[in-house]
Amino acid sequence: SSKACQIAVASYMEAFDACASVLSMDKLTFQANWFKSFYRRNYDALMVKSVYDNVIQDIDGVRKWLDALYIGARRNEGNMNNGSLNDTVETNNVKDLSFANAMNHTEQELVD
């Protein structure tokens, strides 16, 4: 819900500010496991947001790149699950989500 999202954003901002404050007091904080974990999650989230924005804005052929990754992952999944690849099934599954038509999907479908 929108309220839950607002609470999550506010909590994140509070945590980010607290980490920045601790880091300003002690530069070695960056070596602490809890800080590295928080930093990694921020970095990963930034990468997801960046790719998502590029999909929506159709920048640098990222839609084709993600379609190719998705198709490859689905084929690999098929090979791992039953030892064979059914091209017809894979093709149908891949058509369910196409980054080339990103505007036809919800934000959550694209991020997942």
Protein backbone atom coordinates (compact mmCIF):
# COMPACT_ATOMS: atom_id res chain seq x y z
CA SER A 1 0.00 0.00 0.00
CA SER A 2 0.99 3.62 -0.35
CA LYS A 3 1.17 4.07 3.43
CA ALA A 4 3.48 1.06 3.79
CA CYS A 5 5.69 2.44 1.02
CA GLN A 6 5.90 5.83 2.74
CA ILE A 7 6.85 4.18 6.02
CA ALA A 8 9.52 2.06 4.28
CA VAL A 9 11.00 5.13 2.55
CA ALA A 10 11.03 7.13 5.80
CA SER A 11 12.68 4.23 7.66
CA TYR A 12 15.28 3.86 4.93
CA MET A 13 16.09 7.59 5.00
CA GLU A 14 16.48 7.46 8.78
CA ALA A 15 18.83 4.46 8.52
CA PHE A 16 20.81 6.10 5.73
CA ASP A 17 21.22 9.31 7.74
CA ALA A 18 22.31 7.32 10.80
CA CYS A 19 24.92 5.43 8.76
CA ALA A 20 26.21 8.68 7.25
CA SER A 21 26.47 10.18 10.72
CA VAL A 22 28.41 7.20 12.09
CA LEU A 23 30.71 7.24 9.06
CA SER A 24 31.44 10.94 9.54
CA MET A 25 32.53 10.18 13.12
CA ASP A 26 34.65 7.16 12.28
CA LYS A 27 35.91 6.48 8.74
CA LEU A 28 36.77 2.89 9.71
CA THR A 29 33.04 2.18 10.15
CA PHE A 30 33.08 1.26 6.48
CA GLN A 31 34.93 -1.93 7.48
CA ALA A 32 32.19 -3.10 9.86
CA ASN A 33 30.09 -5.98 8.56
CA TRP A 34 26.77 -4.25 9.31
CA PHE A 35 27.88 -1.15 7.38
CA LYS A 36 29.17 -3.16 4.41
CA SER A 37 25.88 -5.05 4.30
CA PHE A 38 23.86 -1.81 4.31
CA TYR A 39 26.12 -0.32 1.63
CA ARG A 40 25.82 -3.44 -0.58
CA ARG A 41 22.03 -3.37 -0.36
CA ASN A 42 22.07 0.31 -1.35
CA TYR A 43 24.36 -0.41 -4.28
CA ASP A 44 22.19 -3.32 -5.46
CA ALA A 45 19.03 -1.22 -5.18
CA LEU A 46 20.66 1.57 -7.18
CA MET A 47 21.59 -0.89 -9.93
CA VAL A 48 18.03 -2.26 -10.08
CA LYS A 49 16.62 1.29 -10.19
CA SER A 50 19.08 2.26 -12.92
CA VAL A 51 18.23 -0.74 -15.10
CA TYR A 52 14.50 -0.20 -14.49
CA ASP A 53 14.78 3.46 -15.56
CA ASN A 54 16.71 2.41 -18.67
CA VAL A 55 14.01 -0.12 -19.57
CA ILE A 56 11.25 2.45 -19.17
CA GLN A 57 13.16 5.10 -21.15
CA ASP A 58 14.47 2.53 -23.70
CA ILE A 59 18.08 3.63 -23.26
CA ASP A 60 21.13 1.92 -24.83
CA GLY A 61 19.27 -1.17 -26.04
CA VAL A 62 18.76 -2.38 -22.47
CA ARG A 63 15.37 -3.88 -23.41
CA LYS A 64 17.00 -6.21 -25.96
CA TRP A 65 19.74 -7.07 -23.47
CA LEU A 66 17.22 -8.00 -20.75
CA ASP A 67 15.08 -9.98 -23.21
CA ALA A 68 18.19 -11.98 -24.18
CA LEU A 69 19.07 -12.58 -20.50
CA TYR A 70 15.50 -13.62 -19.74
CA ILE A 71 15.32 -16.02 -22.69
CA GLY A 72 18.68 -17.53 -21.76
CA ALA A 73 17.65 -17.96 -18.12
CA ARG A 74 14.39 -19.62 -19.11
CA ARG A 75 16.21 -22.02 -21.43
CA ASN A 76 18.75 -22.83 -18.73
CA GLU A 77 15.93 -23.37 -16.26
CA GLY A 78 14.25 -25.78 -18.68
CA ASN A 79 17.48 -27.72 -19.15
CA MET A 80 18.05 -27.97 -15.41
CA ASN A 81 14.49 -29.02 -14.54
CA ASN A 82 13.87 -31.81 -17.01
CA GLY A 83 17.03 -32.33 -19.00
CA SER A 84 15.50 -31.14 -22.26
CA LEU A 85 14.34 -27.93 -23.83
CA ASN A 86 10.90 -27.65 -25.32
CA ASP A 87 11.27 -24.66 -27.64
CA THR A 88 7.53 -24.22 -28.02
CA VAL A 89 6.94 -23.99 -24.28
CA GLU A 90 9.95 -21.74 -23.79
CA THR A 91 8.85 -19.40 -26.56
CA ASN A 92 5.38 -19.14 -25.04
CA ASN A 93 6.79 -18.45 -21.57
CA VAL A 94 9.16 -15.81 -22.85
CA LYS A 95 6.35 -13.99 -24.65
CA ASP A 96 4.61 -13.58 -21.29
CA LEU A 97 7.22 -10.98 -20.33
CA SER A 98 8.99 -8.90 -22.92
CA PHE A 99 11.09 -5.92 -22.00
CA ALA A 100 10.63 -4.67 -25.56
CA ASN A 101 7.05 -3.88 -24.54
CA ALA A 102 7.93 -2.65 -21.06
CA MET A 103 5.05 -0.22 -20.89
CA ASN A 104 2.60 -3.18 -21.06
CA HIS A 105 3.86 -4.53 -17.73
CA THR A 106 3.65 -3.33 -14.15
CA GLU A 107 6.69 -2.00 -12.34
CA GLN A 108 6.72 -5.09 -10.12
CA GLU A 109 6.62 -7.48 -13.09
CA LEU A 110 9.64 -5.76 -14.62
CA VAL A 111 11.64 -5.66 -11.39
CA ASP A 112 10.91 -9.29 -10.49
